[in-house]
Amino acid sequence: MTLNWLGLFPESVKRMLLNLPSELLEQVEEVRIREERPLEINSQGRYHFLDRRGGLTLRPEEAYKPTREDTHRLLDLISNHSLYTMEEELRKGFITIPGGHRVGLAGRTVLSGGKVEHIRDISGFNVRIAKEIRGAADEMLPHLLDRKRKRVMHTLILSPPQHGKTTLLRDLARQISYGQWGAGAVRWPGMKVGIVDERSEIAGCQRGVPGFDVGPRTDVLDGCPKAEGMMMMIRSMSPDVLIVDEIGRAEDAEAVVEALHAGISVIATAHGSSVQDMRGRPALSGLIENRMFEMYAVLSRSGDTRSFKLYDGGQRTLQSAASGPPGGDAYA
């Protein structure tokens, strides 16, 4: 795994992270920096504070507390010294940086007309490390195939945050585009894949070019709102499979329906711990009630153990399995 994400941090914090055991450093999923409060990391669902030497501790009073200089330097690095050019990202509360890494922000919000205009006095950062795990979709993908019609089924992947939806989507795109089809003995050619990557996390594009391997027959609309991007993909790129992360608004649901009616397979994700959760979300409940998705995959996690359950469009259980490629975790 590449550790180029370490360049995001000011030298003081970077030195502490580099003092971690290499195996642990490669498993880091989040680094949380809160001004004048303990420096914290998340590795495979386990949280620890870091002391000045980069040692792990569960005692907050022993942890290093990032200074204002640290947080200002971090903000300069992640904004490439041009914070004023990132007003839209500040309005959303996060910045996506090259490599697909996502930095959540906390501070004082500035309102305009009752809506958040941007964030100022930023003092909290959650750096989520994007990972490319080849084989993350091996166990699941064969179950998402309609073998009679040689197509990918319309699938909604559900889980709470930090359960690996984006990592899984990335590998699904790669395998479908190459024609690998998971661990099954399916022999189909690769398909045209369209990714609408509103947060620049799935493909990790830099200047429009994917930083992750999302397959040779994959087109990416980077930084584009999901609903508009899905319609653009349908009209201009004729994908066989359309992939989109974290749907949740009414316009997202409308675009999904348009894609399905256009004969395009859709693989989407949403926040939730069950299909029933979706019934309580007005924007998505219609998709559930009308059985627009043929398959639901619900991800779960306990520490470093990941698993998934599959349900058909009528929400009957089809499969329950732990998942992970040889030598590594499936979702990160």
C-alpha atoms as a PDB file:
ATOM      1  CA  MET A   1       0.000   0.000   0.000  1.00  0.00           C
ATOM      2  CA  THR A   2       1.304   3.462  -0.848  1.00  0.00           C
ATOM      3  CA  LEU A   3       1.785   5.916   1.998  1.00  0.00           C
ATOM      4  CA  ASN A   4       1.752   9.092  -0.095  1.00  0.00           C
ATOM      5  CA  TRP A   5      -1.072  10.369   2.116  1.00  0.00           C
ATOM      6  CA  LEU A   6       1.500  11.129   4.812  1.00  0.00           C
ATOM      7  CA  GLY A   7       2.426  14.216   2.810  1.00  0.00           C
ATOM      8  CA  LEU A   8      -0.900  15.744   3.845  1.00  0.00           C
ATOM      9  CA  PHE A   9       0.289  16.336   7.390  1.00  0.00           C
ATOM     10  CA  PRO A  10       2.547  18.952   8.982  1.00  0.00           C
ATOM     11  CA  GLU A  11       6.009  17.652   9.893  1.00  0.00           C
ATOM     12  CA  SER A  12       5.230  17.375  13.606  1.00  0.00           C
ATOM     13  CA  VAL A  13       2.307  15.016  13.013  1.00  0.00           C
ATOM     14  CA  LYS A  14       3.969  13.194  10.135  1.00  0.00           C
ATOM     15  CA  ARG A  15       6.941  12.252  12.366  1.00  0.00           C
ATOM     16  CA  MET A  16       4.620  10.701  14.944  1.00  0.00           C
ATOM     17  CA  LEU A  17       2.770   8.690  12.311  1.00  0.00           C
ATOM     18  CA  LEU A  18       6.054   7.432  10.827  1.00  0.00           C
ATOM     19  CA  ASN A  19       7.041   6.122  14.259  1.00  0.00           C
ATOM     20  CA  LEU A  20       4.103   3.703  14.187  1.00  0.00           C
ATOM     21  CA  PRO A  21       4.906   0.067  13.341  1.00  0.00           C
ATOM     22  CA  SER A  22       4.794  -0.271   9.546  1.00  0.00           C
ATOM     23  CA  GLU A  23       2.034  -2.899   9.628  1.00  0.00           C
ATOM     24  CA  LEU A  24      -0.158  -0.648  11.762  1.00  0.00           C
ATOM     25  CA  LEU A  25       0.603   2.414   9.633  1.00  0.00           C
ATOM     26  CA  GLU A  26      -0.594   0.580   6.525  1.00  0.00           C
ATOM     27  CA  GLN A  27      -3.880  -0.233   8.260  1.00  0.00           C
ATOM     28  CA  VAL A  28      -4.686   3.334   9.350  1.00  0.00           C
ATOM     29  CA  GLU A  29      -8.137   4.355   8.116  1.00  0.00           C
ATOM     30  CA  GLU A  30      -8.600   7.738   9.793  1.00  0.00           C
ATOM     31  CA  VAL A  31      -6.429  10.385  11.415  1.00  0.00           C
ATOM     32  CA  ARG A  32      -8.386  12.838  13.569  1.00  0.00           C
ATOM     33  CA  ILE A  33      -6.773  16.162  14.412  1.00  0.00           C
ATOM     34  CA  ARG A  34      -8.546  18.452  16.851  1.00  0.00           C
ATOM     35  CA  GLU A  35      -6.804  21.656  17.871  1.00  0.00           C
ATOM     36  CA  GLU A  36      -5.542  21.471  21.482  1.00  0.00           C
ATOM     37  CA  ARG A  37      -7.160  18.063  21.905  1.00  0.00           C
ATOM     38  CA  PRO A  38      -5.708  14.541  21.676  1.00  0.00           C
ATOM     39  CA  LEU A  39      -4.407  13.288  18.311  1.00  0.00           C
ATOM     40  CA  GLU A  40      -6.335  10.127  17.389  1.00  0.00           C
ATOM     41  CA  ILE A  41      -6.091   7.358  14.788  1.00  0.00           C
ATOM     42  CA  ASN A  42      -8.521   4.652  13.684  1.00  0.00           C
ATOM     43  CA  SER A  43      -7.031   1.382  12.502  1.00  0.00           C
ATOM     44  CA  GLN A  44      -9.421  -1.415  11.510  1.00  0.00           C
ATOM     45  CA  GLY A  45     -12.140  -0.042  13.749  1.00  0.00           C
ATOM     46  CA  ARG A  46      -9.857   0.352  16.783  1.00  0.00           C
ATOM     47  CA  TYR A  47      -9.179   3.847  18.091  1.00  0.00           C
ATOM     48  CA  HIS A  48      -6.014   5.027  19.836  1.00  0.00           C
ATOM     49  CA  PHE A  49      -4.439   8.304  20.791  1.00  0.00           C
ATOM     50  CA  LEU A  50      -0.829   9.090  19.822  1.00  0.00           C
ATOM     51  CA  ASP A  51       1.759  10.503  22.190  1.00  0.00           C
ATOM     52  CA  ARG A  52       4.651  12.775  21.128  1.00  0.00           C
ATOM     53  CA  ARG A  53       6.824   9.795  20.208  1.00  0.00           C
ATOM     54  CA  GLY A  54       4.138   8.200  18.053  1.00  0.00           C
ATOM     55  CA  GLY A  55       3.318   5.628  20.706  1.00  0.00           C
ATOM     56  CA  LEU A  56      -0.228   4.356  21.186  1.00  0.00           C
ATOM     57  CA  THR A  57      -2.201   5.178  24.301  1.00  0.00           C
ATOM     58  CA  LEU A  58      -5.788   4.962  25.458  1.00  0.00           C
ATOM     59  CA  ARG A  59      -5.259   7.789  27.936  1.00  0.00           C
ATOM     60  CA  PRO A  60      -6.138  11.181  26.416  1.00  0.00           C
ATOM     61  CA  GLU A  61      -3.974  13.067  28.925  1.00  0.00           C
ATOM     62  CA  GLU A  62      -0.872  11.282  27.560  1.00  0.00           C
ATOM     63  CA  ALA A  63      -1.620  12.154  23.920  1.00  0.00           C
ATOM     64  CA  TYR A  64      -0.087  14.851  21.770  1.00  0.00           C
ATOM     65  CA  LYS A  65      -2.394  17.833  21.359  1.00  0.00           C
ATOM     66  CA  PRO A  66      -2.044  19.507  17.940  1.00  0.00           C
ATOM     67  CA  THR A  67      -1.376  23.235  18.167  1.00  0.00           C
ATOM     68  CA  ARG A  68      -2.957  26.069  16.196  1.00  0.00           C
ATOM     69  CA  GLU A  69       0.189  26.114  14.093  1.00  0.00           C
ATOM     70  CA  ASP A  70      -0.382  22.403  13.288  1.00  0.00           C
ATOM     71  CA  THR A  71      -3.995  22.918  12.224  1.00  0.00           C
ATOM     72  CA  HIS A  72      -3.201  26.025  10.153  1.00  0.00           C
ATOM     73  CA  ARG A  73      -0.372  24.178   8.423  1.00  0.00           C
ATOM     74  CA  LEU A  74      -2.654  21.185   7.754  1.00  0.00           C
ATOM     75  CA  LEU A  75      -5.297  23.474   6.254  1.00  0.00           C
ATOM     76  CA  ASP A  76      -2.665  25.040   3.988  1.00  0.00           C
ATOM     77  CA  LEU A  77      -1.484  21.628   2.808  1.00  0.00           C
ATOM     78  CA  ILE A  78      -4.896  20.148   2.044  1.00  0.00           C
ATOM     79  CA  SER A  79      -6.091  23.325   0.279  1.00  0.00           C
ATOM     80  CA  ASN A  80      -2.822  23.755  -1.620  1.00  0.00           C
ATOM     81  CA  HIS A  81      -2.476  27.193   0.024  1.00  0.00           C
ATOM     82  CA  SER A  82      -5.635  28.427  -1.725  1.00  0.00           C
ATOM     83  CA  LEU A  83      -8.483  28.058   0.726  1.00  0.00           C
ATOM     84  CA  TYR A  84     -10.545  30.734  -1.024  1.00  0.00           C
ATOM     85  CA  THR A  85     -10.777  28.504  -4.123  1.00  0.00           C
ATOM     86  CA  MET A  86     -12.495  25.773  -2.105  1.00  0.00           C
ATOM     87  CA  GLU A  87     -15.652  27.598  -1.060  1.00  0.00           C
ATOM     88  CA  GLU A  88     -17.931  24.863  -2.431  1.00  0.00           C
ATOM     89  CA  GLU A  89     -16.095  22.160  -0.510  1.00  0.00           C
ATOM     90  CA  LEU A  90     -16.196  24.230   2.670  1.00  0.00           C
ATOM     91  CA  ARG A  91     -19.937  24.594   2.254  1.00  0.00           C
ATOM     92  CA  LYS A  92     -20.256  20.804   2.177  1.00  0.00           C
ATOM     93  CA  GLY A  93     -17.980  20.313   5.167  1.00  0.00           C
ATOM     94  CA  PHE A  94     -15.243  18.270   3.522  1.00  0.00           C
ATOM     95  CA  ILE A  95     -12.401  18.486   1.018  1.00  0.00           C
ATOM     96  CA  THR A  96     -11.429  15.611  -1.287  1.00  0.00           C
ATOM     97  CA  ILE A  97      -7.772  15.677  -2.169  1.00  0.00           C
ATOM     98  CA  PRO A  98      -5.663  13.877  -4.815  1.00  0.00           C
ATOM     99  CA  GLY A  99      -5.682  10.142  -4.229  1.00  0.00           C
ATOM    100  CA  GLY A 100      -9.347  10.102  -3.234  1.00  0.00           C
ATOM    101  CA  HIS A 101      -8.613  10.900   0.419  1.00  0.00           C
ATOM    102  CA  ARG A 102     -11.402  12.825   2.126  1.00  0.00           C
ATOM    103  CA  VAL A 103     -10.903  15.409   4.860  1.00  0.00           C
ATOM    104  CA  GLY A 104     -13.935  16.191   7.006  1.00  0.00           C
ATOM    105  CA  LEU A 105     -13.937  19.623   8.612  1.00  0.00           C
ATOM    106  CA  ALA A 106     -15.382  21.044  11.818  1.00  0.00           C
ATOM    107  CA  GLY A 107     -15.414  24.615  13.028  1.00  0.00           C
ATOM    108  CA  ARG A 108     -17.690  27.636  13.063  1.00  0.00           C
ATOM    109  CA  THR A 109     -20.316  27.732  10.315  1.00  0.00           C
ATOM    110  CA  VAL A 110     -21.258  30.949   8.573  1.00  0.00           C
ATOM    111  CA  LEU A 111     -24.923  31.119   7.547  1.00  0.00           C
ATOM    112  CA  SER A 112     -26.612  32.928   4.688  1.00  0.00           C
ATOM    113  CA  GLY A 113     -30.398  32.830   4.422  1.00  0.00           C
ATOM    114  CA  GLY A 114     -30.469  30.111   7.054  1.00  0.00           C
ATOM    115  CA  LYS A 115     -28.124  27.843   5.052  1.00  0.00           C
ATOM    116  CA  VAL A 116     -24.467  27.076   5.578  1.00  0.00           C
ATOM    117  CA  GLU A 117     -22.361  29.386   3.403  1.00  0.00           C
ATOM    118  CA  HIS A 118     -18.972  28.060   4.501  1.00  0.00           C
ATOM    119  CA  ILE A 119     -16.939  27.027   7.547  1.00  0.00           C
ATOM    120  CA  ARG A 120     -14.447  29.302   9.257  1.00  0.00           C
ATOM    121  CA  ASP A 121     -12.218  28.938  12.337  1.00  0.00           C
ATOM    122  CA  ILE A 122     -11.605  25.337  11.282  1.00  0.00           C
ATOM    123  CA  SER A 123     -10.168  23.399  14.223  1.00  0.00           C
ATOM    124  CA  GLY A 124     -11.219  19.785  13.600  1.00  0.00           C
ATOM    125  CA  PHE A 125     -10.113  17.465  10.790  1.00  0.00           C
ATOM    126  CA  ASN A 126     -10.979  13.857  10.015  1.00  0.00           C
ATOM    127  CA  VAL A 127      -8.605  12.563   7.341  1.00  0.00           C
ATOM    128  CA  ARG A 128     -10.075   9.390   5.828  1.00  0.00           C
ATOM    129  CA  ILE A 129      -7.482   7.359   3.946  1.00  0.00           C
ATOM    130  CA  ALA A 130      -8.687   5.967   0.612  1.00  0.00           C
ATOM    131  CA  LYS A 131      -7.481   2.443  -0.154  1.00  0.00           C
ATOM    132  CA  GLU A 132      -7.375   0.362  -3.296  1.00  0.00           C
ATOM    133  CA  ILE A 133      -7.936  -3.280  -2.341  1.00  0.00           C
ATOM    134  CA  ARG A 134      -7.942  -5.565  -5.349  1.00  0.00           C
ATOM    135  CA  GLY A 135     -10.244  -8.486  -4.765  1.00  0.00           C
ATOM    136  CA  ALA A 136     -12.529  -6.638  -2.345  1.00  0.00           C
ATOM    137  CA  ALA A 137     -15.497  -7.611  -4.542  1.00  0.00           C
ATOM    138  CA  ASP A 138     -14.457 -11.229  -5.188  1.00  0.00           C
ATOM    139  CA  GLU A 139     -17.002 -12.850  -2.895  1.00  0.00           C
ATOM    140  CA  MET A 140     -19.928 -10.585  -3.691  1.00  0.00           C
ATOM    141  CA  LEU A 141     -19.750  -9.966  -7.443  1.00  0.00           C
ATOM    142  CA  PRO A 142     -20.762 -13.461  -8.660  1.00  0.00           C
ATOM    143  CA  HIS A 143     -24.036 -13.080  -6.729  1.00  0.00           C
ATOM    144  CA  LEU A 144     -24.842  -9.835  -8.556  1.00  0.00           C
ATOM    145  CA  LEU A 145     -24.886 -11.410 -12.011  1.00  0.00           C
ATOM    146  CA  ASP A 146     -27.966 -12.320 -14.019  1.00  0.00           C
ATOM    147  CA  ARG A 147     -26.416 -15.253 -15.842  1.00  0.00           C
ATOM    148  CA  LYS A 148     -29.343 -15.942 -18.117  1.00  0.00           C
ATOM    149  CA  ARG A 149     -29.310 -12.438 -19.592  1.00  0.00           C
ATOM    150  CA  LYS A 150     -25.567 -11.879 -19.085  1.00  0.00           C
ATOM    151  CA  ARG A 151     -25.967  -8.625 -17.211  1.00  0.00           C
ATOM    152  CA  VAL A 152     -25.253  -7.117 -13.817  1.00  0.00           C
ATOM    153  CA  MET A 153     -28.316  -6.804 -11.596  1.00  0.00           C
ATOM    154  CA  HIS A 154     -29.504  -3.454 -10.257  1.00  0.00           C
ATOM    155  CA  THR A 155     -27.919  -3.399  -6.803  1.00  0.00           C
ATOM    156  CA  LEU A 156     -28.081  -1.134  -3.752  1.00  0.00           C
ATOM    157  CA  ILE A 157     -25.264  -1.522  -1.224  1.00  0.00           C
ATOM    158  CA  LEU A 158     -26.072  -0.394   2.314  1.00  0.00           C
ATOM    159  CA  SER A 159     -23.994   0.205   5.409  1.00  0.00           C
ATOM    160  CA  PRO A 160     -23.251   2.805   8.069  1.00  0.00           C
ATOM    161  CA  PRO A 161     -20.252   5.078   7.425  1.00  0.00           C
ATOM    162  CA  GLN A 162     -16.741   3.595   7.544  1.00  0.00           C
ATOM    163  CA  HIS A 163     -17.788   0.098   6.512  1.00  0.00           C
ATOM    164  CA  GLY A 164     -16.094   0.077   3.104  1.00  0.00           C
ATOM    165  CA  LYS A 165     -18.815   0.924   0.572  1.00  0.00           C
ATOM    166  CA  THR A 166     -16.524   3.074  -1.556  1.00  0.00           C
ATOM    167  CA  THR A 167     -13.665   0.548  -1.515  1.00  0.00           C
ATOM    168  CA  LEU A 168     -16.120  -2.140  -2.611  1.00  0.00           C
ATOM    169  CA  LEU A 169     -17.548   0.051  -5.401  1.00  0.00           C
ATOM    170  CA  ARG A 170     -14.046   0.765  -6.678  1.00  0.00           C
ATOM    171  CA  ASP A 171     -13.263  -2.939  -7.042  1.00  0.00           C
ATOM    172  CA  LEU A 172     -16.671  -3.741  -8.541  1.00  0.00           C
ATOM    173  CA  ALA A 173     -15.994  -1.139 -11.238  1.00  0.00           C
ATOM    174  CA  ARG A 174     -12.545  -2.562 -11.911  1.00  0.00           C
ATOM    175  CA  GLN A 175     -13.657  -6.179 -12.169  1.00  0.00           C
ATOM    176  CA  ILE A 176     -16.741  -5.492 -14.280  1.00  0.00           C
ATOM    177  CA  SER A 177     -14.685  -3.319 -16.634  1.00  0.00           C
ATOM    178  CA  TYR A 178     -11.962  -5.954 -17.028  1.00  0.00           C
ATOM    179  CA  GLY A 179     -14.441  -8.836 -17.180  1.00  0.00           C
ATOM    180  CA  GLN A 180     -13.041 -10.680 -14.165  1.00  0.00           C
ATOM    181  CA  TRP A 181     -16.391 -11.359 -12.497  1.00  0.00           C
ATOM    182  CA  GLY A 182     -15.211 -12.084  -8.976  1.00  0.00           C
ATOM    183  CA  ALA A 183     -14.264 -15.548  -7.828  1.00  0.00           C
ATOM    184  CA  GLY A 184     -16.879 -17.278 -10.008  1.00  0.00           C
ATOM    185  CA  ALA A 185     -16.208 -19.260 -13.173  1.00  0.00           C
ATOM    186  CA  VAL A 186     -18.093 -16.753 -15.360  1.00  0.00           C
ATOM    187  CA  ARG A 187     -16.603 -16.047 -18.776  1.00  0.00           C
ATOM    188  CA  TRP A 188     -18.020 -12.769 -20.104  1.00  0.00           C
ATOM    189  CA  PRO A 189     -16.206  -9.904 -21.782  1.00  0.00           C
ATOM    190  CA  GLY A 190     -15.672  -6.695 -19.839  1.00  0.00           C
ATOM    191  CA  MET A 191     -18.469  -4.136 -19.866  1.00  0.00           C
ATOM    192  CA  LYS A 192     -18.566  -0.367 -20.278  1.00  0.00           C
ATOM    193  CA  VAL A 193     -18.713   1.184 -16.813  1.00  0.00           C
ATOM    194  CA  GLY A 194     -19.680   4.760 -15.993  1.00  0.00           C
ATOM    195  CA  ILE A 195     -18.732   6.212 -12.590  1.00  0.00           C
ATOM    196  CA  VAL A 196     -20.329   9.408 -11.306  1.00  0.00           C
ATOM    197  CA  ASP A 197     -17.798  10.443  -8.687  1.00  0.00           C
ATOM    198  CA  GLU A 198     -19.251  13.512  -6.994  1.00  0.00           C
ATOM    199  CA  ARG A 199     -16.728  13.502  -4.142  1.00  0.00           C
ATOM    200  CA  SER A 200     -13.743  12.326  -6.229  1.00  0.00           C
ATOM    201  CA  GLU A 201     -13.375   9.324  -3.911  1.00  0.00           C
ATOM    202  CA  ILE A 202     -14.172   6.281  -6.071  1.00  0.00           C
ATOM    203  CA  ALA A 203     -11.662   6.858  -8.868  1.00  0.00           C
ATOM    204  CA  GLY A 204      -9.402   9.379  -7.099  1.00  0.00           C
ATOM    205  CA  CYS A 205      -9.070  11.473 -10.265  1.00  0.00           C
ATOM    206  CA  GLN A 206      -6.374  14.071 -10.766  1.00  0.00           C
ATOM    207  CA  ARG A 207      -7.162  16.440 -13.639  1.00  0.00           C
ATOM    208  CA  GLY A 208      -9.789  13.991 -14.833  1.00  0.00           C
ATOM    209  CA  VAL A 209      -7.504  10.947 -14.886  1.00  0.00           C
ATOM    210  CA  PRO A 210      -8.301   8.153 -12.363  1.00  0.00           C
ATOM    211  CA  GLY A 211      -5.630   7.596  -9.723  1.00  0.00           C
ATOM    212  CA  PHE A 212      -7.036   4.152  -8.917  1.00  0.00           C
ATOM    213  CA  ASP A 213      -7.387   1.258 -11.338  1.00  0.00           C
ATOM    214  CA  VAL A 214     -11.110   1.317 -12.119  1.00  0.00           C
ATOM    215  CA  GLY A 215     -10.754  -0.751 -15.295  1.00  0.00           C
ATOM    216  CA  PRO A 216      -9.912  -0.267 -18.990  1.00  0.00           C
ATOM    217  CA  ARG A 217     -13.513   0.318 -20.120  1.00  0.00           C
ATOM    218  CA  THR A 218     -14.490   2.788 -17.421  1.00  0.00           C
ATOM    219  CA  ASP A 219     -15.424   6.454 -17.873  1.00  0.00           C
ATOM    220  CA  VAL A 220     -15.534   8.832 -14.912  1.00  0.00           C
ATOM    221  CA  LEU A 221     -17.428  12.070 -14.361  1.00  0.00           C
ATOM    222  CA  ASP A 222     -15.391  13.606 -11.575  1.00  0.00           C
ATOM    223  CA  GLY A 223     -16.746  16.174  -9.121  1.00  0.00           C
ATOM    224  CA  CYS A 224     -20.185  16.116 -10.746  1.00  0.00           C
ATOM    225  CA  PRO A 225     -23.447  16.098  -8.750  1.00  0.00           C
ATOM    226  CA  LYS A 226     -24.847  12.580  -8.809  1.00  0.00           C
ATOM    227  CA  ALA A 227     -28.260  13.213 -10.344  1.00  0.00           C
ATOM    228  CA  GLU A 228     -26.957  15.443 -13.125  1.00  0.00           C
ATOM    229  CA  GLY A 229     -23.977  13.177 -13.701  1.00  0.00           C
ATOM    230  CA  MET A 230     -26.102  10.061 -14.128  1.00  0.00           C
ATOM    231  CA  MET A 231     -28.179  11.800 -16.793  1.00  0.00           C
ATOM    232  CA  MET A 232     -25.030  13.023 -18.551  1.00  0.00           C
ATOM    233  CA  MET A 233     -23.587   9.511 -18.561  1.00  0.00           C
ATOM    234  CA  ILE A 234     -26.800   8.060 -19.981  1.00  0.00           C
ATOM    235  CA  ARG A 235     -26.903  10.604 -22.794  1.00  0.00           C
ATOM    236  CA  SER A 236     -23.243  10.757 -23.716  1.00  0.00           C
ATOM    237  CA  MET A 237     -21.302   7.625 -22.719  1.00  0.00           C
ATOM    238  CA  SER A 238     -23.799   4.741 -23.068  1.00  0.00           C
ATOM    239  CA  PRO A 239     -22.529   2.680 -20.129  1.00  0.00           C
ATOM    240  CA  ASP A 240     -23.602  -0.898 -19.553  1.00  0.00           C
ATOM    241  CA  VAL A 241     -23.210  -0.396 -15.801  1.00  0.00           C
ATOM    242  CA  LEU A 242     -23.565   2.895 -13.929  1.00  0.00           C
ATOM    243  CA  ILE A 243     -21.871   3.233 -10.538  1.00  0.00           C
ATOM    244  CA  VAL A 244     -22.660   5.970  -8.031  1.00  0.00           C
ATOM    245  CA  ASP A 245     -21.865   6.476  -4.348  1.00  0.00           C
ATOM    246  CA  GLU A 246     -24.156   7.578  -1.520  1.00  0.00           C
ATOM    247  CA  ILE A 247     -27.498   8.350  -3.115  1.00  0.00           C
ATOM    248  CA  GLY A 248     -30.007   9.994  -0.816  1.00  0.00           C
ATOM    249  CA  ARG A 249     -31.848  12.893  -2.444  1.00  0.00           C
ATOM    250  CA  ALA A 250     -35.053  12.845  -4.458  1.00  0.00           C
ATOM    251  CA  GLU A 251     -33.216  13.880  -7.620  1.00  0.00           C
ATOM    252  CA  ASP A 252     -30.800  10.964  -7.127  1.00  0.00           C
ATOM    253  CA  ALA A 253     -33.698   8.524  -7.002  1.00  0.00           C
ATOM    254  CA  GLU A 254     -35.232  10.048 -10.145  1.00  0.00           C
ATOM    255  CA  ALA A 255     -31.948   9.668 -12.027  1.00  0.00           C
ATOM    256  CA  VAL A 256     -31.644   6.035 -10.908  1.00  0.00           C
ATOM    257  CA  VAL A 257     -35.121   5.326 -12.300  1.00  0.00           C
ATOM    258  CA  GLU A 258     -34.178   6.983 -15.604  1.00  0.00           C
ATOM    259  CA  ALA A 259     -31.085   4.796 -15.863  1.00  0.00           C
ATOM    260  CA  LEU A 260     -33.045   1.632 -15.138  1.00  0.00           C
ATOM    261  CA  HIS A 261     -35.619   2.522 -17.778  1.00  0.00           C
ATOM    262  CA  ALA A 262     -32.778   3.117 -20.227  1.00  0.00           C
ATOM    263  CA  GLY A 263     -31.652  -0.489 -19.784  1.00  0.00           C
ATOM    264  CA  ILE A 264     -28.537   0.399 -17.787  1.00  0.00           C
ATOM    265  CA  SER A 265     -27.552  -1.654 -14.749  1.00  0.00           C
ATOM    266  CA  VAL A 266     -27.093   0.515 -11.657  1.00  0.00           C
ATOM    267  CA  ILE A 267     -24.882  -0.215  -8.653  1.00  0.00           C
ATOM    268  CA  ALA A 268     -25.366   2.414  -5.958  1.00  0.00           C
ATOM    269  CA  THR A 269     -24.628   2.828  -2.276  1.00  0.00           C
ATOM    270  CA  ALA A 270     -26.534   4.523   0.533  1.00  0.00           C
ATOM    271  CA  HIS A 271     -26.124   4.982   4.267  1.00  0.00           C
ATOM    272  CA  GLY A 272     -28.195   2.532   6.309  1.00  0.00           C
ATOM    273  CA  SER A 273     -27.940  -0.665   8.307  1.00  0.00           C
ATOM    274  CA  SER A 274     -30.922  -2.435   6.703  1.00  0.00           C
ATOM    275  CA  VAL A 275     -33.348  -2.223   3.808  1.00  0.00           C
ATOM    276  CA  GLN A 276     -35.985  -1.171   6.319  1.00  0.00           C
ATOM    277  CA  ASP A 277     -33.936   1.950   7.027  1.00  0.00           C
ATOM    278  CA  MET A 278     -34.482   2.981   3.416  1.00  0.00           C
ATOM    279  CA  ARG A 279     -38.250   2.744   3.792  1.00  0.00           C
ATOM    280  CA  GLY A 280     -38.047   5.563   6.309  1.00  0.00           C
ATOM    281  CA  ARG A 281     -36.231   7.887   3.904  1.00  0.00           C
ATOM    282  CA  PRO A 282     -38.808   9.695   1.731  1.00  0.00           C
ATOM    283  CA  ALA A 283     -36.411  10.227  -1.157  1.00  0.00           C
ATOM    284  CA  LEU A 284     -35.524   6.532  -1.456  1.00  0.00           C
ATOM    285  CA  SER A 285     -38.615   4.726  -0.203  1.00  0.00           C
ATOM    286  CA  GLY A 286     -40.187   4.697  -3.680  1.00  0.00           C
ATOM    287  CA  LEU A 287     -37.206   2.777  -5.061  1.00  0.00           C
ATOM    288  CA  ILE A 288     -37.749   0.135  -2.388  1.00  0.00           C
ATOM    289  CA  GLU A 289     -41.531  -0.064  -2.666  1.00  0.00           C
ATOM    290  CA  ASN A 290     -41.414  -0.341  -6.468  1.00  0.00           C
ATOM    291  CA  ARG A 291     -38.645  -2.960  -6.365  1.00  0.00           C
ATOM    292  CA  MET A 292     -36.400  -0.931  -8.614  1.00  0.00           C
ATOM    293  CA  PHE A 293     -33.369  -2.775  -7.232  1.00  0.00           C
ATOM    294  CA  GLU A 294     -33.047  -6.502  -7.870  1.00  0.00           C
ATOM    295  CA  MET A 295     -30.442  -7.023  -5.156  1.00  0.00           C
ATOM    296  CA  TYR A 296     -29.542  -5.466  -1.821  1.00  0.00           C
ATOM    297  CA  ALA A 297     -26.175  -5.964  -0.139  1.00  0.00           C
ATOM    298  CA  VAL A 298     -25.928  -4.980   3.527  1.00  0.00           C
ATOM    299  CA  LEU A 299     -22.383  -4.639   4.863  1.00  0.00           C
ATOM    300  CA  SER A 300     -21.509  -5.100   8.511  1.00  0.00           C
ATOM    301  CA  ARG A 301     -18.336  -4.856  10.520  1.00  0.00           C
ATOM    302  CA  SER A 302     -17.028  -5.934  13.914  1.00  0.00           C
ATOM    303  CA  GLY A 303     -13.482  -4.698  14.456  1.00  0.00           C
ATOM    304  CA  ASP A 304     -11.428  -5.992  11.544  1.00  0.00           C
ATOM    305  CA  THR A 305     -14.045  -8.583  10.529  1.00  0.00           C
ATOM    306  CA  ARG A 306     -16.310  -7.653   7.618  1.00  0.00           C
ATOM    307  CA  SER A 307     -19.314  -9.512   6.305  1.00  0.00           C
ATOM    308  CA  PHE A 308     -22.285  -8.986   4.042  1.00  0.00           C
ATOM    309  CA  LYS A 309     -25.831 -10.210   3.596  1.00  0.00           C
ATOM    310  CA  LEU A 310     -27.636 -10.292   0.271  1.00  0.00           C
ATOM    311  CA  TYR A 311     -31.376  -9.863  -0.259  1.00  0.00           C
ATOM    312  CA  ASP A 312     -33.435 -10.009  -3.442  1.00  0.00           C
ATOM    313  CA  GLY A 313     -35.850  -7.298  -4.557  1.00  0.00           C
ATOM    314  CA  GLY A 314     -38.499  -8.751  -2.283  1.00  0.00           C
ATOM    315  CA  GLN A 315     -36.008  -8.511   0.608  1.00  0.00           C
ATOM    316  CA  ARG A 316     -35.675 -12.262   1.064  1.00  0.00           C
ATOM    317  CA  THR A 317     -32.283 -13.362   2.380  1.00  0.00           C
ATOM    318  CA  LEU A 318     -30.149 -14.978  -0.313  1.00  0.00           C
ATOM    319  CA  GLN A 319     -26.635 -15.098   1.065  1.00  0.00           C
ATOM    320  CA  SER A 320     -24.691 -14.324   4.215  1.00  0.00           C
ATOM    321  CA  ALA A 321     -20.920 -14.419   4.140  1.00  0.00           C
ATOM    322  CA  ALA A 322     -17.709 -13.043   5.502  1.00  0.00           C
ATOM    323  CA  SER A 323     -15.672 -11.383   2.798  1.00  0.00           C
ATOM    324  CA  GLY A 324     -12.063 -10.538   2.193  1.00  0.00           C
ATOM    325  CA  PRO A 325      -9.380 -11.154  -0.423  1.00  0.00           C
ATOM    326  CA  PRO A 326      -6.477 -13.426   0.494  1.00  0.00           C
ATOM    327  CA  GLY A 327      -4.123 -11.711   2.902  1.00  0.00           C
ATOM    328  CA  GLY A 328      -6.244  -8.636   3.477  1.00  0.00           C
ATOM    329  CA  ASP A 329      -9.540  -7.098   4.464  1.00  0.00           C
ATOM    330  CA  ALA A 330     -12.256  -6.597   1.920  1.00  0.00           C
ATOM    331  CA  TYR A 331     -13.478  -3.187   2.960  1.00  0.00           C
ATOM    332  CA  ALA A 332     -11.563  -0.294   4.414  1.00  0.00           C
END
